[in-house]
Amino acid sequence: IIYLFSSRVSTKLKETFIINENNGEIRLQRNLDYEEIDSYEIPVEARDKGSPPLSGHCKVVLEVLDVND
């Protein structure tokens, strides 16, 4: 199974997060700012290597905490 961002994911979201296609782990590529955006919805797809490939979809919801307050 490989994991990837859905084709609906914006370029800005791809610049903020990266997904490990082997295990689905999502990591940051830059710092987050609560004042800029306080939550993210990231559509993710899991696809097998069959012929034809089958896939499943989900949405990862990430809430940013403002630790300075």
N, C-alpha and C. Protein backbone atom coordinates (compact mmCIF):
# COMPACT_ATOMS: atom_id res chain seq x y z
N ILE A 1 0.86 -1.19 0.00
CA ILE A 1 0.00 0.00 0.00
C ILE A 1 0.89 1.23 0.00
N ILE A 2 0.51 2.23 -0.81
CA ILE A 2 1.20 3.52 -0.78
C ILE A 2 0.20 4.59 -0.33
N TYR A 3 0.71 5.58 0.36
CA TYR A 3 -0.09 6.68 0.87
C TYR A 3 0.32 7.96 0.15
N LEU A 4 -0.68 8.76 -0.19
CA LEU A 4 -0.39 10.03 -0.86
C LEU A 4 -1.50 11.02 -0.58
N PHE A 5 -1.16 12.29 -0.77
CA PHE A 5 -2.18 13.32 -0.65
C PHE A 5 -3.14 13.19 -1.82
N SER A 6 -4.39 13.47 -1.58
CA SER A 6 -5.39 13.45 -2.64
C SER A 6 -5.03 14.47 -3.71
N SER A 7 -5.52 14.27 -4.91
CA SER A 7 -5.26 15.23 -5.99
C SER A 7 -5.90 16.58 -5.71
N ARG A 8 -6.83 16.64 -4.75
CA ARG A 8 -7.49 17.90 -4.38
C ARG A 8 -6.67 18.77 -3.43
N VAL A 9 -5.54 18.28 -2.96
CA VAL A 9 -4.72 19.02 -2.00
C VAL A 9 -4.04 20.19 -2.71
N SER A 10 -4.11 21.36 -2.08
CA SER A 10 -3.53 22.57 -2.66
C SER A 10 -2.00 22.54 -2.61
N THR A 11 -1.40 23.37 -3.44
CA THR A 11 0.06 23.49 -3.45
C THR A 11 0.56 23.98 -2.10
N LYS A 12 -0.15 24.91 -1.49
CA LYS A 12 0.27 25.45 -0.18
C LYS A 12 0.28 24.35 0.88
N LEU A 13 -0.71 23.47 0.84
CA LEU A 13 -0.74 22.37 1.79
C LEU A 13 0.43 21.41 1.55
N LYS A 14 0.77 21.16 0.30
CA LYS A 14 1.91 20.30 -0.03
C LYS A 14 3.23 20.94 0.36
N GLU A 15 3.28 22.27 0.42
CA GLU A 15 4.49 22.97 0.87
C GLU A 15 4.60 22.96 2.39
N THR A 16 3.47 22.74 3.08
CA THR A 16 3.44 22.74 4.54
C THR A 16 3.68 21.34 5.12
N PHE A 17 3.11 20.32 4.48
CA PHE A 17 3.18 18.95 4.98
C PHE A 17 3.79 18.03 3.93
N ILE A 18 4.36 16.93 4.40
CA ILE A 18 4.87 15.88 3.52
C ILE A 18 4.36 14.55 4.07
N ILE A 19 4.03 13.63 3.18
CA ILE A 19 3.53 12.33 3.60
C ILE A 19 4.53 11.25 3.18
N ASN A 20 4.81 10.33 4.09
CA ASN A 20 5.66 9.19 3.78
C ASN A 20 4.80 8.17 3.06
N GLU A 21 5.11 7.89 1.82
CA GLU A 21 4.24 7.02 1.04
C GLU A 21 4.29 5.56 1.49
N ASN A 22 5.28 5.18 2.29
CA ASN A 22 5.39 3.81 2.77
C ASN A 22 4.56 3.52 4.02
N ASN A 23 4.45 4.51 4.92
CA ASN A 23 3.72 4.26 6.16
C ASN A 23 2.62 5.29 6.46
N GLY A 24 2.46 6.31 5.63
CA GLY A 24 1.40 7.29 5.80
C GLY A 24 1.68 8.37 6.82
N GLU A 25 2.88 8.39 7.39
CA GLU A 25 3.23 9.40 8.39
C GLU A 25 3.25 10.78 7.73
N ILE A 26 2.57 11.74 8.35
CA ILE A 26 2.53 13.11 7.86
C ILE A 26 3.41 13.97 8.75
N ARG A 27 4.32 14.73 8.14
CA ARG A 27 5.26 15.59 8.89
C ARG A 27 5.20 17.00 8.36
N LEU A 28 5.68 17.93 9.18
CA LEU A 28 5.76 19.33 8.79
C LEU A 28 6.99 19.62 7.95
N GLN A 29 6.84 20.52 6.99
CA GLN A 29 7.99 21.00 6.23
C GLN A 29 8.33 22.44 6.62
N ARG A 30 7.41 23.09 7.33
CA ARG A 30 7.64 24.46 7.81
C ARG A 30 6.86 24.64 9.11
N ASN A 31 7.14 25.71 9.82
CA ASN A 31 6.44 26.00 11.07
C ASN A 31 5.00 26.42 10.79
N LEU A 32 4.11 26.12 11.74
CA LEU A 32 2.72 26.53 11.63
C LEU A 32 2.49 27.76 12.48
N ASP A 33 1.59 28.62 12.04
CA ASP A 33 1.24 29.83 12.77
C ASP A 33 -0.25 29.82 13.05
N TYR A 34 -0.62 29.73 14.33
CA TYR A 34 -2.02 29.69 14.74
C TYR A 34 -2.80 30.89 14.23
N GLU A 35 -2.17 32.06 14.24
CA GLU A 35 -2.86 33.27 13.78
C GLU A 35 -3.15 33.23 12.27
N GLU A 36 -2.35 32.48 11.53
CA GLU A 36 -2.55 32.36 10.08
C GLU A 36 -3.66 31.36 9.77
N ILE A 37 -3.52 30.15 10.28
CA ILE A 37 -4.52 29.09 10.10
C ILE A 37 -4.56 28.27 11.38
N ASP A 38 -5.77 28.07 11.94
CA ASP A 38 -5.87 27.34 13.20
C ASP A 38 -6.24 25.86 13.04
N SER A 39 -6.58 25.43 11.81
CA SER A 39 -6.83 24.01 11.57
C SER A 39 -6.64 23.68 10.09
N TYR A 40 -6.35 22.43 9.83
CA TYR A 40 -6.13 21.95 8.47
C TYR A 40 -6.96 20.69 8.25
N GLU A 41 -7.48 20.52 7.07
CA GLU A 41 -8.13 19.29 6.65
C GLU A 41 -7.33 18.75 5.47
N ILE A 42 -6.73 17.58 5.64
CA ILE A 42 -5.82 17.03 4.65
C ILE A 42 -6.43 15.75 4.08
N PRO A 43 -6.89 15.78 2.82
CA PRO A 43 -7.40 14.55 2.21
C PRO A 43 -6.25 13.62 1.82
N VAL A 44 -6.35 12.36 2.27
CA VAL A 44 -5.30 11.38 2.04
C VAL A 44 -5.89 10.17 1.31
N GLU A 45 -5.08 9.57 0.46
CA GLU A 45 -5.47 8.37 -0.28
C GLU A 45 -4.50 7.24 0.03
N ALA A 46 -5.02 6.05 0.23
CA ALA A 46 -4.21 4.84 0.37
C ALA A 46 -4.52 3.97 -0.84
N ARG A 47 -3.49 3.57 -1.57
CA ARG A 47 -3.67 2.83 -2.81
C ARG A 47 -2.83 1.56 -2.79
N ASP A 48 -3.43 0.44 -3.24
CA ASP A 48 -2.63 -0.78 -3.31
C ASP A 48 -1.94 -0.86 -4.67
N LYS A 49 -1.13 -1.88 -4.83
CA LYS A 49 -0.33 -2.00 -6.06
C LYS A 49 -0.92 -3.05 -7.00
N GLY A 50 -2.23 -3.28 -6.88
CA GLY A 50 -2.90 -4.25 -7.74
C GLY A 50 -3.10 -3.72 -9.15
N SER A 51 -3.69 -4.58 -9.98
CA SER A 51 -3.98 -4.18 -11.35
C SER A 51 -5.42 -4.54 -11.65
N PRO A 52 -6.32 -3.60 -11.66
CA PRO A 52 -6.14 -2.17 -11.40
C PRO A 52 -6.00 -1.90 -9.90
N PRO A 53 -5.35 -0.79 -9.55
CA PRO A 53 -5.16 -0.47 -8.14
C PRO A 53 -6.49 -0.07 -7.47
N LEU A 54 -6.65 -0.52 -6.24
CA LEU A 54 -7.80 -0.12 -5.42
C LEU A 54 -7.33 0.95 -4.45
N SER A 55 -8.24 1.85 -4.09
CA SER A 55 -7.83 2.92 -3.18
C SER A 55 -8.92 3.22 -2.17
N GLY A 56 -8.50 3.77 -1.04
CA GLY A 56 -9.39 4.25 0.01
C GLY A 56 -9.02 5.68 0.32
N HIS A 57 -9.99 6.44 0.79
CA HIS A 57 -9.78 7.86 1.05
C HIS A 57 -10.19 8.19 2.49
N CYS A 58 -9.51 9.15 3.07
CA CYS A 58 -9.88 9.67 4.38
C CYS A 58 -9.47 11.13 4.46
N LYS A 59 -9.90 11.78 5.52
CA LYS A 59 -9.54 13.18 5.75
C LYS A 59 -8.88 13.27 7.12
N VAL A 60 -7.67 13.80 7.16
CA VAL A 60 -6.94 14.01 8.42
C VAL A 60 -7.20 15.44 8.86
N VAL A 61 -7.73 15.61 10.07
CA VAL A 61 -8.02 16.94 10.62
C VAL A 61 -6.97 17.27 11.66
N LEU A 62 -6.29 18.40 11.47
CA LEU A 62 -5.22 18.82 12.36
C LEU A 62 -5.59 20.18 12.95
N GLU A 63 -5.66 20.26 14.28
CA GLU A 63 -5.94 21.52 14.96
C GLU A 63 -4.64 22.07 15.54
N VAL A 64 -4.37 23.32 15.25
CA VAL A 64 -3.14 23.98 15.72
C VAL A 64 -3.43 24.66 17.04
N LEU A 65 -2.59 24.43 18.05
CA LEU A 65 -2.72 25.08 19.34
C LEU A 65 -1.84 26.30 19.40
N ASP A 66 -2.33 27.36 20.02
CA ASP A 66 -1.53 28.57 20.20
C ASP A 66 -0.84 28.48 21.55
N VAL A 67 0.39 27.97 21.55
CA VAL A 67 1.10 27.74 22.80
C VAL A 67 1.61 29.03 23.45
N ASN A 68 1.64 30.13 22.71
CA ASN A 68 2.10 31.39 23.29
C ASN A 68 1.08 32.00 24.25
N ASP A 69 -0.18 31.65 24.10
CA ASP A 69 -1.22 32.20 24.97
C ASP A 69 -1.39 31.29 26.13
